[in-house]
C-alpha cells in the first residue's frame, strides 16, 4: 500500500522533477502502472526504453533497477510518495 502523504508535500513537488522522471520512462503514454513504497517506486512500462540515470537523479532519485516484463524500480534516498502522486495526476 502507498504511504500517506500530505497535500502540502504533494504541492511542494517540483514540476520539473515530474517532467524529468516521465521523460526518463519514455513519456506519460509509456507508463502502464505506478505504485510507490516509501523510498521505492515501481513502474510498469508498455515499452522498455533505454533508461537514463542522469534524468532519474535530476528528478531526485538515486537511480533505478530494471526488472522483467517492462517493470522498473526507481530508488530514492527520501520518500517518493509525493512525486508518485504528482506523476499519477499526469497519467489520468
N, C-alpha and C. Protein backbone atom coordinates (compact mmCIF):
# COMPACT_ATOMS: atom_id res chain seq x y z
N UNK A 1 0.82 -1.20 0.00
CA UNK A 1 0.00 0.00 0.00
C UNK A 1 0.86 1.26 0.00
N UNK A 2 0.37 2.27 -0.68
CA UNK A 2 1.09 3.52 -0.79
C UNK A 2 1.11 4.27 0.54
N UNK A 3 2.22 4.89 0.85
CA UNK A 3 2.37 5.67 2.07
C UNK A 3 1.48 6.91 1.99
N UNK A 4 0.89 7.29 3.10
CA UNK A 4 0.08 8.52 3.12
C UNK A 4 1.00 9.73 2.99
N UNK A 5 0.50 10.73 2.30
CA UNK A 5 1.29 11.94 2.08
C UNK A 5 0.35 13.13 2.18
N UNK A 6 0.87 14.23 2.72
CA UNK A 6 0.03 15.42 2.90
C UNK A 6 -0.12 16.17 1.58
N UNK A 7 -1.18 16.94 1.50
CA UNK A 7 -1.40 17.78 0.32
C UNK A 7 -0.28 18.81 0.17
N UNK A 8 0.27 19.29 1.31
CA UNK A 8 1.39 20.25 1.25
C UNK A 8 2.61 19.61 0.59
N UNK A 9 2.90 18.35 0.96
CA UNK A 9 4.04 17.65 0.37
C UNK A 9 3.85 17.46 -1.13
N UNK A 10 2.64 17.16 -1.54
CA UNK A 10 2.35 17.00 -2.97
C UNK A 10 2.52 18.33 -3.70
N UNK A 11 2.05 19.41 -3.09
CA UNK A 11 2.16 20.73 -3.70
C UNK A 11 3.61 21.19 -3.83
N UNK A 12 4.50 20.69 -2.97
CA UNK A 12 5.91 21.10 -2.99
C UNK A 12 6.74 20.35 -4.03
N UNK A 13 6.18 19.34 -4.66
CA UNK A 13 6.94 18.59 -5.66
C UNK A 13 7.24 19.50 -6.85
N UNK A 14 8.50 19.53 -7.23
CA UNK A 14 8.94 20.35 -8.36
C UNK A 14 8.38 19.76 -9.66
N UNK A 15 7.61 20.53 -10.43
CA UNK A 15 7.07 20.01 -11.69
C UNK A 15 8.16 19.53 -12.64
N UNK A 16 9.35 20.11 -12.55
CA UNK A 16 10.46 19.67 -13.40
C UNK A 16 10.86 18.23 -13.06
N UNK A 17 10.79 17.88 -11.77
CA UNK A 17 11.13 16.51 -11.37
C UNK A 17 10.16 15.52 -12.01
N UNK A 18 8.89 15.89 -12.07
CA UNK A 18 7.89 15.04 -12.72
C UNK A 18 8.21 14.91 -14.21
N UNK A 19 8.54 16.03 -14.86
CA UNK A 19 8.89 16.01 -16.28
C UNK A 19 10.10 15.13 -16.54
N UNK A 20 11.15 15.29 -15.73
CA UNK A 20 12.38 14.51 -15.93
C UNK A 20 12.12 13.02 -15.74
N UNK A 21 11.36 12.68 -14.72
CA UNK A 21 11.10 11.27 -14.46
C UNK A 21 10.27 10.66 -15.59
N UNK A 22 9.23 11.37 -16.02
CA UNK A 22 8.42 10.85 -17.12
C UNK A 22 9.24 10.74 -18.41
N UNK A 23 10.10 11.71 -18.66
CA UNK A 23 10.96 11.65 -19.84
C UNK A 23 11.87 10.43 -19.77
N UNK A 24 12.42 10.17 -18.59
CA UNK A 24 13.33 9.03 -18.44
C UNK A 24 12.61 7.70 -18.63
N UNK A 25 11.29 7.68 -18.43
CA UNK A 25 10.50 6.46 -18.58
C UNK A 25 9.89 6.31 -19.97
N UNK A 26 10.17 7.24 -20.85
CA UNK A 26 9.66 7.14 -22.21
C UNK A 26 8.37 7.91 -22.43
N UNK A 27 8.01 8.79 -21.50
CA UNK A 27 6.82 9.64 -21.65
C UNK A 27 5.60 9.09 -20.94
N UNK A 28 4.65 9.96 -20.72
CA UNK A 28 3.43 9.61 -19.98
C UNK A 28 2.66 8.48 -20.66
N UNK A 29 2.69 8.46 -21.99
CA UNK A 29 1.95 7.44 -22.73
C UNK A 29 2.58 6.05 -22.60
N UNK A 30 3.82 5.98 -22.09
CA UNK A 30 4.51 4.70 -21.95
C UNK A 30 4.30 4.05 -20.58
N UNK A 31 3.71 4.77 -19.63
CA UNK A 31 3.53 4.25 -18.28
C UNK A 31 2.19 3.52 -18.18
N UNK A 32 2.24 2.22 -17.86
CA UNK A 32 1.02 1.42 -17.70
C UNK A 32 0.50 1.49 -16.27
N UNK A 33 1.41 1.41 -15.29
CA UNK A 33 1.02 1.40 -13.88
C UNK A 33 2.17 1.94 -13.04
N UNK A 34 1.82 2.49 -11.87
CA UNK A 34 2.83 3.07 -10.99
C UNK A 34 2.37 2.94 -9.55
N UNK A 35 3.24 2.46 -8.69
CA UNK A 35 2.98 2.38 -7.25
C UNK A 35 4.22 2.86 -6.52
N UNK A 36 4.04 3.46 -5.35
CA UNK A 36 5.20 3.88 -4.57
C UNK A 36 5.16 3.24 -3.19
N UNK A 37 6.35 2.99 -2.69
CA UNK A 37 6.54 2.37 -1.38
C UNK A 37 7.70 3.08 -0.70
N UNK A 38 7.40 4.19 -0.03
CA UNK A 38 8.41 4.99 0.65
C UNK A 38 9.54 5.40 -0.29
N UNK A 39 10.69 4.74 -0.19
CA UNK A 39 11.85 5.14 -0.99
C UNK A 39 11.98 4.39 -2.31
N UNK A 40 10.93 3.68 -2.71
CA UNK A 40 10.93 2.97 -3.98
C UNK A 40 9.65 3.29 -4.75
N UNK A 41 9.78 3.31 -6.06
CA UNK A 41 8.61 3.47 -6.92
C UNK A 41 8.67 2.35 -7.95
N UNK A 42 7.61 1.61 -8.07
CA UNK A 42 7.54 0.52 -9.04
C UNK A 42 6.71 0.99 -10.22
N UNK A 43 7.28 0.89 -11.41
CA UNK A 43 6.62 1.38 -12.62
C UNK A 43 6.57 0.26 -13.65
N UNK A 44 5.40 0.06 -14.24
CA UNK A 44 5.26 -0.88 -15.34
C UNK A 44 5.14 -0.09 -16.62
N UNK A 45 6.00 -0.41 -17.58
CA UNK A 45 6.05 0.32 -18.85
C UNK A 45 5.49 -0.51 -19.99
N UNK A 46 4.92 0.16 -20.98
CA UNK A 46 4.44 -0.53 -22.18
C UNK A 46 5.63 -1.02 -23.00
N UNK A 47 6.63 -0.16 -23.18
CA UNK A 47 7.85 -0.47 -23.90
C UNK A 47 9.01 -0.05 -23.02
N UNK A 48 9.99 -0.92 -22.85
CA UNK A 48 11.14 -0.59 -22.01
C UNK A 48 12.15 0.22 -22.82
N UNK A 49 12.21 1.55 -22.60
CA UNK A 49 13.17 2.38 -23.34
C UNK A 49 14.56 2.24 -22.72
N UNK A 50 15.53 2.84 -23.36
CA UNK A 50 16.86 2.95 -22.76
C UNK A 50 16.74 3.98 -21.64
N UNK A 51 16.91 3.57 -20.40
CA UNK A 51 16.66 4.44 -19.26
C UNK A 51 17.90 5.26 -18.92
N UNK A 52 17.69 6.52 -18.56
CA UNK A 52 18.76 7.49 -18.34
C UNK A 52 18.88 7.80 -16.86
N UNK A 53 19.93 7.28 -16.20
CA UNK A 53 20.12 7.53 -14.77
C UNK A 53 20.32 9.00 -14.45
N UNK A 54 20.88 9.78 -15.39
CA UNK A 54 21.06 11.22 -15.14
C UNK A 54 19.70 11.90 -14.93
N UNK A 55 18.70 11.53 -15.74
CA UNK A 55 17.37 12.11 -15.57
C UNK A 55 16.73 11.63 -14.26
N UNK A 56 16.95 10.38 -13.90
CA UNK A 56 16.44 9.89 -12.61
C UNK A 56 17.03 10.71 -11.47
N UNK A 57 18.33 10.98 -11.54
CA UNK A 57 18.99 11.75 -10.47
C UNK A 57 18.50 13.20 -10.46
N UNK A 58 18.31 13.78 -11.63
CA UNK A 58 17.78 15.15 -11.68
C UNK A 58 16.40 15.22 -11.02
N UNK A 59 15.65 14.14 -11.13
CA UNK A 59 14.30 14.09 -10.55
C UNK A 59 14.34 13.80 -9.04
N UNK A 60 15.53 13.52 -8.50
CA UNK A 60 15.65 13.32 -7.07
C UNK A 60 15.78 11.88 -6.62
N UNK A 61 16.02 10.97 -7.55
CA UNK A 61 16.18 9.57 -7.15
C UNK A 61 17.66 9.18 -7.21
N UNK A 62 17.98 8.04 -6.62
CA UNK A 62 19.35 7.51 -6.67
C UNK A 62 19.63 6.81 -7.97
N UNK A 63 18.60 6.36 -8.64
CA UNK A 63 18.77 5.61 -9.87
C UNK A 63 17.63 4.61 -10.03
N UNK A 64 17.90 3.53 -10.73
CA UNK A 64 16.84 2.57 -10.99
C UNK A 64 17.39 1.15 -11.09
N UNK A 65 16.49 0.21 -11.00
CA UNK A 65 16.80 -1.20 -11.24
C UNK A 65 15.78 -1.70 -12.25
N UNK A 66 16.25 -2.25 -13.35
CA UNK A 66 15.34 -2.79 -14.37
C UNK A 66 14.98 -4.22 -13.99
N UNK A 67 13.71 -4.51 -14.01
CA UNK A 67 13.21 -5.84 -13.70
C UNK A 67 12.68 -6.47 -14.98
N UNK A 68 12.01 -7.58 -14.88
CA UNK A 68 11.49 -8.26 -16.07
C UNK A 68 10.14 -7.69 -16.49
N UNK A 69 9.74 -7.98 -17.72
CA UNK A 69 8.43 -7.62 -18.27
C UNK A 69 8.11 -6.14 -18.20
N UNK A 70 9.10 -5.29 -18.50
CA UNK A 70 8.86 -3.85 -18.56
C UNK A 70 8.68 -3.17 -17.22
N UNK A 71 9.09 -3.81 -16.14
CA UNK A 71 8.98 -3.20 -14.80
C UNK A 71 10.30 -2.56 -14.41
N UNK A 72 10.19 -1.41 -13.75
CA UNK A 72 11.36 -0.66 -13.29
C UNK A 72 11.13 -0.28 -11.84
N UNK A 73 12.16 -0.40 -11.02
CA UNK A 73 12.12 0.10 -9.64
C UNK A 73 12.96 1.37 -9.62
N UNK A 74 12.36 2.47 -9.20
CA UNK A 74 13.07 3.72 -9.03
C UNK A 74 13.43 3.82 -7.55
N UNK A 75 14.68 4.12 -7.29
CA UNK A 75 15.19 4.13 -5.92
C UNK A 75 15.44 5.55 -5.46
N UNK A 76 15.04 5.86 -4.23
CA UNK A 76 15.23 7.20 -3.70
C UNK A 76 15.88 7.19 -2.33
N UNK A 77 16.50 8.31 -1.96
CA UNK A 77 17.05 8.48 -0.62
C UNK A 77 15.96 8.95 0.34
N UNK A 78 14.91 9.54 -0.21
CA UNK A 78 13.81 10.05 0.59
C UNK A 78 12.51 9.44 0.07
N UNK A 79 11.43 9.72 0.74
CA UNK A 79 10.12 9.19 0.37
C UNK A 79 9.72 9.71 -1.02
N UNK A 80 9.36 8.81 -1.90
CA UNK A 80 8.97 9.17 -3.28
C UNK A 80 7.46 9.24 -3.46
N UNK A 81 6.70 9.13 -2.37
CA UNK A 81 5.24 9.05 -2.48
C UNK A 81 4.63 10.32 -3.09
N UNK A 82 5.08 11.50 -2.65
CA UNK A 82 4.52 12.74 -3.20
C UNK A 82 4.83 12.86 -4.69
N UNK A 83 6.04 12.51 -5.08
CA UNK A 83 6.41 12.54 -6.50
C UNK A 83 5.54 11.56 -7.29
N UNK A 84 5.31 10.38 -6.75
CA UNK A 84 4.45 9.39 -7.42
C UNK A 84 3.04 9.92 -7.60
N UNK A 85 2.51 10.59 -6.58
CA UNK A 85 1.16 11.15 -6.68
C UNK A 85 1.08 12.18 -7.80
N UNK A 86 2.10 13.04 -7.93
CA UNK A 86 2.10 14.05 -8.99
C UNK A 86 2.16 13.38 -10.36
N UNK A 87 2.92 12.32 -10.47
CA UNK A 87 3.00 11.59 -11.74
C UNK A 87 1.65 10.97 -12.06
N UNK A 88 1.00 10.37 -11.06
CA UNK A 88 -0.33 9.78 -11.28
C UNK A 88 -1.34 10.82 -11.74
N UNK A 89 -1.22 12.05 -11.26
CA UNK A 89 -2.11 13.13 -11.73
C UNK A 89 -1.93 13.34 -13.22
N UNK A 90 -0.69 13.25 -13.71
CA UNK A 90 -0.43 13.42 -15.15
C UNK A 90 -0.95 12.25 -15.96
N UNK A 91 -0.98 11.07 -15.33
CA UNK A 91 -1.42 9.87 -16.05
C UNK A 91 -2.93 9.84 -16.25
N UNK A 92 -3.66 10.54 -15.39
CA UNK A 92 -5.12 10.46 -15.50
C UNK A 92 -5.70 11.54 -16.38
